[in-house]
């Protein structure tokens, strides 16, 4: 498994890094999922995550990536409806169009690394790969907001409340939970120790009890 096959486009990450306000920590978000198909809630979740972090006046999201999972995983979820299967290229194209349609492609884009691996990759590995890939390309990352390198980038994985309990493996990276209306995970998740964990309140007008697959 190679970090740069296929490579991730970092050109817009570098450009946005130049505009980070003084005194704020640059952040790169990443979220994994089937995205079969992508829908507005997926996009809104990243917007909610970005707005929540930047409202604290100490973070600035320079980029966010939507990482579709391997075709084998999508097939397994659609065993009873194989005619609904969308392959990796189709899902990547839908993600690209969704980001462009929302007018967010200056900071939000799909990433093809996970979906093009020879086998399914755990979401924690995807986040850690992004962290390592940034460092490999001269974009230094940090694991703590207290790090003296104020220009160091924090990689934070965005997930739904239904996945949050299994995200300890992503440490020492950050995890940000976007809650759903049927369950308030905020109090529980914010008690999780050992790494940065934020629960985003359910403020979006878009229903959060949807699932694409």
C-alpha atoms as a PDB file:
ATOM      1  CA  UNK A   1       0.000   0.000   0.000  1.00  0.00           C
ATOM      2  CA  UNK A   2       1.675   3.201  -1.203  1.00  0.00           C
ATOM      3  CA  UNK A   3       0.746   6.654   0.058  1.00  0.00           C
ATOM      4  CA  UNK A   4       0.956   8.265  -3.371  1.00  0.00           C
ATOM      5  CA  UNK A   5      -0.824   5.709  -5.559  1.00  0.00           C
ATOM      6  CA  UNK A   6      -2.977   7.359  -6.646  1.00  0.00           C
ATOM      7  CA  UNK A   7      -1.795  10.819  -5.539  1.00  0.00           C
ATOM      8  CA  UNK A   8      -4.049  13.389  -3.863  1.00  0.00           C
ATOM      9  CA  UNK A   9      -4.316  16.852  -5.401  1.00  0.00           C
ATOM     10  CA  UNK A  10      -2.791  19.250  -2.876  1.00  0.00           C
ATOM     11  CA  UNK A  11      -2.607  22.347  -5.077  1.00  0.00           C
ATOM     12  CA  UNK A  12      -5.721  23.930  -3.550  1.00  0.00           C
ATOM     13  CA  UNK A  13      -4.542  22.955  -0.061  1.00  0.00           C
ATOM     14  CA  UNK A  14      -1.311  24.904  -0.550  1.00  0.00           C
ATOM     15  CA  UNK A  15      -3.201  27.880  -1.979  1.00  0.00           C
ATOM     16  CA  UNK A  16      -5.663  27.997   0.927  1.00  0.00           C
ATOM     17  CA  UNK A  17      -2.850  27.599   3.451  1.00  0.00           C
ATOM     18  CA  UNK A  18      -1.556  30.991   2.347  1.00  0.00           C
ATOM     19  CA  UNK A  19      -4.785  32.613   3.555  1.00  0.00           C
ATOM     20  CA  UNK A  20      -4.883  31.243   7.099  1.00  0.00           C
ATOM     21  CA  UNK A  21      -5.658  34.086   9.539  1.00  0.00           C
ATOM     22  CA  UNK A  22      -2.993  34.851  12.120  1.00  0.00           C
ATOM     23  CA  UNK A  23      -3.439  32.962  15.370  1.00  0.00           C
ATOM     24  CA  UNK A  24      -5.546  30.149  13.926  1.00  0.00           C
ATOM     25  CA  UNK A  25      -4.664  26.504  13.380  1.00  0.00           C
ATOM     26  CA  UNK A  26      -5.019  25.225   9.770  1.00  0.00           C
ATOM     27  CA  UNK A  27      -7.177  22.106   9.526  1.00  0.00           C
ATOM     28  CA  UNK A  28      -7.714  19.452   6.871  1.00  0.00           C
ATOM     29  CA  UNK A  29     -10.944  17.455   7.211  1.00  0.00           C
ATOM     30  CA  UNK A  30     -11.538  13.999   5.790  1.00  0.00           C
ATOM     31  CA  UNK A  31     -14.679  11.895   5.754  1.00  0.00           C
ATOM     32  CA  UNK A  32     -15.110   8.353   4.444  1.00  0.00           C
ATOM     33  CA  UNK A  33     -18.217   6.508   3.304  1.00  0.00           C
ATOM     34  CA  UNK A  34     -19.908   4.680   0.471  1.00  0.00           C
ATOM     35  CA  UNK A  35     -21.327   7.854  -1.104  1.00  0.00           C
ATOM     36  CA  UNK A  36     -23.509   5.603  -3.232  1.00  0.00           C
ATOM     37  CA  UNK A  37     -24.812   8.016  -4.140  1.00  0.00           C
ATOM     38  CA  UNK A  38     -23.593  11.204  -2.507  1.00  0.00           C
ATOM     39  CA  UNK A  39     -26.449  13.385  -1.252  1.00  0.00           C
ATOM     40  CA  UNK A  40     -26.841  16.851   0.226  1.00  0.00           C
ATOM     41  CA  UNK A  41     -26.468  15.654   3.804  1.00  0.00           C
ATOM     42  CA  UNK A  42     -22.931  14.440   3.053  1.00  0.00           C
ATOM     43  CA  UNK A  43     -22.022  17.884   1.769  1.00  0.00           C
ATOM     44  CA  UNK A  44     -23.831  19.697   4.575  1.00  0.00           C
ATOM     45  CA  UNK A  45     -22.055  17.605   7.204  1.00  0.00           C
ATOM     46  CA  UNK A  46     -18.703  18.944   5.993  1.00  0.00           C
ATOM     47  CA  UNK A  47     -20.051  22.494   5.950  1.00  0.00           C
ATOM     48  CA  UNK A  48     -21.350  22.026   9.510  1.00  0.00           C
ATOM     49  CA  UNK A  49     -17.974  20.661  10.613  1.00  0.00           C
ATOM     50  CA  UNK A  50     -16.107  23.573   9.035  1.00  0.00           C
ATOM     51  CA  UNK A  51     -18.463  26.176  10.514  1.00  0.00           C
ATOM     52  CA  UNK A  52     -18.294  24.608  13.963  1.00  0.00           C
ATOM     53  CA  UNK A  53     -14.492  24.572  14.072  1.00  0.00           C
ATOM     54  CA  UNK A  54     -14.099  28.076  12.685  1.00  0.00           C
ATOM     55  CA  UNK A  55     -16.669  29.443  15.155  1.00  0.00           C
ATOM     56  CA  UNK A  56     -14.136  28.726  17.891  1.00  0.00           C
ATOM     57  CA  UNK A  57     -11.834  31.379  16.346  1.00  0.00           C
ATOM     58  CA  UNK A  58      -8.803  29.116  16.696  1.00  0.00           C
ATOM     59  CA  UNK A  59      -9.212  26.898  13.628  1.00  0.00           C
ATOM     60  CA  UNK A  60      -9.301  27.569   9.905  1.00  0.00           C
ATOM     61  CA  UNK A  61     -10.318  24.766   7.555  1.00  0.00           C
ATOM     62  CA  UNK A  62      -8.089  24.952   4.486  1.00  0.00           C
ATOM     63  CA  UNK A  63      -9.374  21.774   2.825  1.00  0.00           C
ATOM     64  CA  UNK A  64     -11.781  18.882   3.205  1.00  0.00           C
ATOM     65  CA  UNK A  65     -11.875  15.556   1.394  1.00  0.00           C
ATOM     66  CA  UNK A  66     -14.700  13.090   0.780  1.00  0.00           C
ATOM     67  CA  UNK A  67     -13.156   9.637   0.446  1.00  0.00           C
ATOM     68  CA  UNK A  68     -15.379   6.917  -1.072  1.00  0.00           C
ATOM     69  CA  UNK A  69     -14.787   3.364   0.117  1.00  0.00           C
ATOM     70  CA  UNK A  70     -13.788   0.334  -1.935  1.00  0.00           C
ATOM     71  CA  UNK A  71     -16.200  -1.154  -4.472  1.00  0.00           C
ATOM     72  CA  UNK A  72     -16.263  -4.468  -2.580  1.00  0.00           C
ATOM     73  CA  UNK A  73     -17.761  -2.784   0.479  1.00  0.00           C
ATOM     74  CA  UNK A  74     -20.460  -1.079  -1.566  1.00  0.00           C
ATOM     75  CA  UNK A  75     -21.330  -4.367  -3.284  1.00  0.00           C
ATOM     76  CA  UNK A  76     -21.691  -6.071   0.102  1.00  0.00           C
ATOM     77  CA  UNK A  77     -24.177  -3.413   1.229  1.00  0.00           C
ATOM     78  CA  UNK A  78     -26.204  -3.791  -1.948  1.00  0.00           C
ATOM     79  CA  UNK A  79     -26.392  -7.574  -2.195  1.00  0.00           C
ATOM     80  CA  UNK A  80     -30.187  -7.428  -2.393  1.00  0.00           C
ATOM     81  CA  UNK A  81     -30.166  -4.561  -4.899  1.00  0.00           C
ATOM     82  CA  UNK A  82     -27.160  -5.122  -7.181  1.00  0.00           C
ATOM     83  CA  UNK A  83     -28.716  -2.960  -9.897  1.00  0.00           C
ATOM     84  CA  UNK A  84     -28.120   0.076  -7.650  1.00  0.00           C
ATOM     85  CA  UNK A  85     -24.336  -0.463  -7.559  1.00  0.00           C
ATOM     86  CA  UNK A  86     -22.215   2.522  -8.625  1.00  0.00           C
ATOM     87  CA  UNK A  87     -18.538   1.781  -9.243  1.00  0.00           C
ATOM     88  CA  UNK A  88     -15.587   3.827  -8.010  1.00  0.00           C
ATOM     89  CA  UNK A  89     -15.306   6.061 -11.074  1.00  0.00           C
ATOM     90  CA  UNK A  90     -19.016   6.824 -11.023  1.00  0.00           C
ATOM     91  CA  UNK A  91     -18.988   7.700  -7.317  1.00  0.00           C
ATOM     92  CA  UNK A  92     -15.902   9.897  -7.689  1.00  0.00           C
ATOM     93  CA  UNK A  93     -17.544  11.766 -10.536  1.00  0.00           C
ATOM     94  CA  UNK A  94     -20.754  12.243  -8.537  1.00  0.00           C
ATOM     95  CA  UNK A  95     -18.746  13.612  -5.617  1.00  0.00           C
ATOM     96  CA  UNK A  96     -16.877  15.991  -7.897  1.00  0.00           C
ATOM     97  CA  UNK A  97     -20.125  17.273  -9.403  1.00  0.00           C
ATOM     98  CA  UNK A  98     -21.770  17.585  -5.972  1.00  0.00           C
ATOM     99  CA  UNK A  99     -18.917  19.731  -4.625  1.00  0.00           C
ATOM    100  CA  UNK A 100     -19.002  21.917  -7.732  1.00  0.00           C
ATOM    101  CA  UNK A 101     -22.789  22.248  -7.665  1.00  0.00           C
ATOM    102  CA  UNK A 102     -22.643  23.378  -4.048  1.00  0.00           C
ATOM    103  CA  UNK A 103     -20.008  25.983  -4.966  1.00  0.00           C
ATOM    104  CA  UNK A 104     -17.542  24.495  -2.459  1.00  0.00           C
ATOM    105  CA  UNK A 105     -14.842  22.979  -4.669  1.00  0.00           C
ATOM    106  CA  UNK A 106     -12.395  25.702  -3.617  1.00  0.00           C
ATOM    107  CA  UNK A 107     -12.038  23.776  -0.321  1.00  0.00           C
ATOM    108  CA  UNK A 108     -14.108  20.558  -0.585  1.00  0.00           C
ATOM    109  CA  UNK A 109     -13.195  17.794  -3.053  1.00  0.00           C
ATOM    110  CA  UNK A 110     -13.255  14.009  -3.468  1.00  0.00           C
ATOM    111  CA  UNK A 111     -10.105  11.964  -2.926  1.00  0.00           C
ATOM    112  CA  UNK A 112      -9.505   8.799  -4.936  1.00  0.00           C
ATOM    113  CA  UNK A 113      -6.795   7.117  -2.839  1.00  0.00           C
ATOM    114  CA  UNK A 114      -9.029   4.882  -0.693  1.00  0.00           C
ATOM    115  CA  UNK A 115     -11.363   3.738  -3.447  1.00  0.00           C
ATOM    116  CA  UNK A 116      -8.466   2.802  -5.745  1.00  0.00           C
ATOM    117  CA  UNK A 117      -6.684   0.535  -3.258  1.00  0.00           C
ATOM    118  CA  UNK A 118      -6.649  -3.218  -4.064  1.00  0.00           C
ATOM    119  CA  UNK A 119      -8.843  -3.988  -1.051  1.00  0.00           C
ATOM    120  CA  UNK A 120     -11.056  -2.273   1.513  1.00  0.00           C
ATOM    121  CA  UNK A 121      -9.226   0.151   3.826  1.00  0.00           C
ATOM    122  CA  UNK A 122     -10.316   1.036   7.356  1.00  0.00           C
ATOM    123  CA  UNK A 123     -11.361   4.676   7.797  1.00  0.00           C
ATOM    124  CA  UNK A 124      -8.729   5.244  10.488  1.00  0.00           C
ATOM    125  CA  UNK A 125      -6.035   4.175   7.989  1.00  0.00           C
ATOM    126  CA  UNK A 126      -7.435   6.627   5.447  1.00  0.00           C
ATOM    127  CA  UNK A 127      -7.133   9.534   7.898  1.00  0.00           C
ATOM    128  CA  UNK A 128      -3.646   8.490   8.968  1.00  0.00           C
ATOM    129  CA  UNK A 129      -2.606   8.141   5.330  1.00  0.00           C
ATOM    130  CA  UNK A 130      -3.761  11.715   4.674  1.00  0.00           C
ATOM    131  CA  UNK A 131      -1.681  12.921   7.619  1.00  0.00           C
ATOM    132  CA  UNK A 132       1.401  11.049   6.368  1.00  0.00           C
ATOM    133  CA  UNK A 133       0.818  12.161   2.777  1.00  0.00           C
ATOM    134  CA  UNK A 134       0.710  15.830   3.772  1.00  0.00           C
ATOM    135  CA  UNK A 135       4.013  15.454   5.620  1.00  0.00           C
ATOM    136  CA  UNK A 136       5.542  13.564   2.706  1.00  0.00           C
ATOM    137  CA  UNK A 137       4.723  16.550   0.498  1.00  0.00           C
ATOM    138  CA  UNK A 138       6.182  19.191   2.789  1.00  0.00           C
ATOM    139  CA  UNK A 139       2.961  20.147   4.616  1.00  0.00           C
ATOM    140  CA  UNK A 140       3.807  19.626   8.283  1.00  0.00           C
ATOM    141  CA  UNK A 141       1.091  18.251  10.540  1.00  0.00           C
ATOM    142  CA  UNK A 142       0.736  18.314  14.337  1.00  0.00           C
ATOM    143  CA  UNK A 143      -1.210  16.171  16.791  1.00  0.00           C
ATOM    144  CA  UNK A 144      -2.003  18.760  19.429  1.00  0.00           C
ATOM    145  CA  UNK A 145      -3.432  22.264  19.476  1.00  0.00           C
ATOM    146  CA  UNK A 146      -0.739  23.068  22.058  1.00  0.00           C
ATOM    147  CA  UNK A 147       2.066  22.323  19.611  1.00  0.00           C
ATOM    148  CA  UNK A 148       4.461  25.271  19.316  1.00  0.00           C
ATOM    149  CA  UNK A 149       4.407  25.025  15.525  1.00  0.00           C
ATOM    150  CA  UNK A 150       1.397  27.281  14.988  1.00  0.00           C
ATOM    151  CA  UNK A 151       1.525  26.694  11.227  1.00  0.00           C
ATOM    152  CA  UNK A 152       1.278  22.924  11.624  1.00  0.00           C
ATOM    153  CA  UNK A 153      -1.842  21.380  10.095  1.00  0.00           C
ATOM    154  CA  UNK A 154      -4.299  19.251  12.083  1.00  0.00           C
ATOM    155  CA  UNK A 155      -5.983  16.390  10.253  1.00  0.00           C
ATOM    156  CA  UNK A 156      -9.468  15.736  11.623  1.00  0.00           C
ATOM    157  CA  UNK A 157     -11.743  12.885  10.581  1.00  0.00           C
ATOM    158  CA  UNK A 158     -15.424  13.778  10.267  1.00  0.00           C
ATOM    159  CA  UNK A 159     -17.907  11.027  11.034  1.00  0.00           C
ATOM    160  CA  UNK A 160     -21.535  10.533  11.989  1.00  0.00           C
ATOM    161  CA  UNK A 161     -22.650   9.738  15.500  1.00  0.00           C
ATOM    162  CA  UNK A 162     -23.326   6.137  14.487  1.00  0.00           C
ATOM    163  CA  UNK A 163     -19.627   5.622  13.698  1.00  0.00           C
ATOM    164  CA  UNK A 164     -18.018   7.747  16.392  1.00  0.00           C
ATOM    165  CA  UNK A 165     -17.614   5.065  19.047  1.00  0.00           C
ATOM    166  CA  UNK A 166     -15.319   3.093  16.784  1.00  0.00           C
ATOM    167  CA  UNK A 167     -12.982   5.945  15.954  1.00  0.00           C
ATOM    168  CA  UNK A 168     -10.451   5.532  18.785  1.00  0.00           C
ATOM    169  CA  UNK A 169      -8.106   3.843  16.321  1.00  0.00           C
ATOM    170  CA  UNK A 170      -7.616   7.174  14.553  1.00  0.00           C
ATOM    171  CA  UNK A 171      -5.663   8.622  17.510  1.00  0.00           C
ATOM    172  CA  UNK A 172      -3.585  10.775  17.735  1.00  0.00           C
ATOM    173  CA  UNK A 173      -5.513  12.525  14.967  1.00  0.00           C
ATOM    174  CA  UNK A 174      -8.688  14.460  15.699  1.00  0.00           C
ATOM    175  CA  UNK A 175     -12.261  13.261  15.299  1.00  0.00           C
ATOM    176  CA  UNK A 176     -15.293  15.460  14.816  1.00  0.00           C
ATOM    177  CA  UNK A 177     -18.759  14.001  15.167  1.00  0.00           C
ATOM    178  CA  UNK A 178     -21.742  15.380  13.264  1.00  0.00           C
ATOM    179  CA  UNK A 179     -24.792  14.305  15.264  1.00  0.00           C
ATOM    180  CA  UNK A 180     -28.109  12.956  13.981  1.00  0.00           C
ATOM    181  CA  UNK A 181     -31.511  13.988  15.390  1.00  0.00           C
ATOM    182  CA  UNK A 182     -32.420  10.590  16.821  1.00  0.00           C
ATOM    183  CA  UNK A 183     -29.485  10.515  19.254  1.00  0.00           C
ATOM    184  CA  UNK A 184     -27.543  13.179  21.084  1.00  0.00           C
ATOM    185  CA  UNK A 185     -23.982  11.875  21.390  1.00  0.00           C
ATOM    186  CA  UNK A 186     -22.416  15.181  22.418  1.00  0.00           C
ATOM    187  CA  UNK A 187     -22.017  14.587  26.158  1.00  0.00           C
ATOM    188  CA  UNK A 188     -20.701  11.051  25.760  1.00  0.00           C
ATOM    189  CA  UNK A 189     -18.309  11.783  22.907  1.00  0.00           C
ATOM    190  CA  UNK A 190     -16.779  14.839  24.508  1.00  0.00           C
ATOM    191  CA  UNK A 191     -15.737  12.648  27.443  1.00  0.00           C
ATOM    192  CA  UNK A 192     -13.621  10.464  25.189  1.00  0.00           C
ATOM    193  CA  UNK A 193     -10.034  10.915  26.346  1.00  0.00           C
ATOM    194  CA  UNK A 194      -6.723  10.914  24.533  1.00  0.00           C
ATOM    195  CA  UNK A 195      -7.426  12.986  21.438  1.00  0.00           C
ATOM    196  CA  UNK A 196      -9.363  15.927  20.091  1.00  0.00           C
ATOM    197  CA  UNK A 197     -13.064  15.015  19.861  1.00  0.00           C
ATOM    198  CA  UNK A 198     -15.834  17.487  19.055  1.00  0.00           C
ATOM    199  CA  UNK A 199     -19.547  16.797  18.810  1.00  0.00           C
ATOM    200  CA  UNK A 200     -21.343  19.156  16.451  1.00  0.00           C
ATOM    201  CA  UNK A 201     -24.895  20.072  17.482  1.00  0.00           C
ATOM    202  CA  UNK A 202     -27.613  19.188  15.007  1.00  0.00           C
ATOM    203  CA  UNK A 203     -28.244  22.646  13.587  1.00  0.00           C
ATOM    204  CA  UNK A 204     -28.622  21.847   9.903  1.00  0.00           C
ATOM    205  CA  UNK A 205     -32.055  22.190   8.284  1.00  0.00           C
ATOM    206  CA  UNK A 206     -31.355  19.079   6.225  1.00  0.00           C
ATOM    207  CA  UNK A 207     -32.667  15.858   7.746  1.00  0.00           C
ATOM    208  CA  UNK A 208     -29.932  13.767   9.339  1.00  0.00           C
ATOM    209  CA  UNK A 209     -31.640  10.406   9.338  1.00  0.00           C
ATOM    210  CA  UNK A 210     -30.839   9.699   5.696  1.00  0.00           C
ATOM    211  CA  UNK A 211     -28.495   7.063   4.337  1.00  0.00           C
ATOM    212  CA  UNK A 212     -27.499   6.660   0.701  1.00  0.00           C
ATOM    213  CA  UNK A 213     -26.986   2.910   0.907  1.00  0.00           C
END
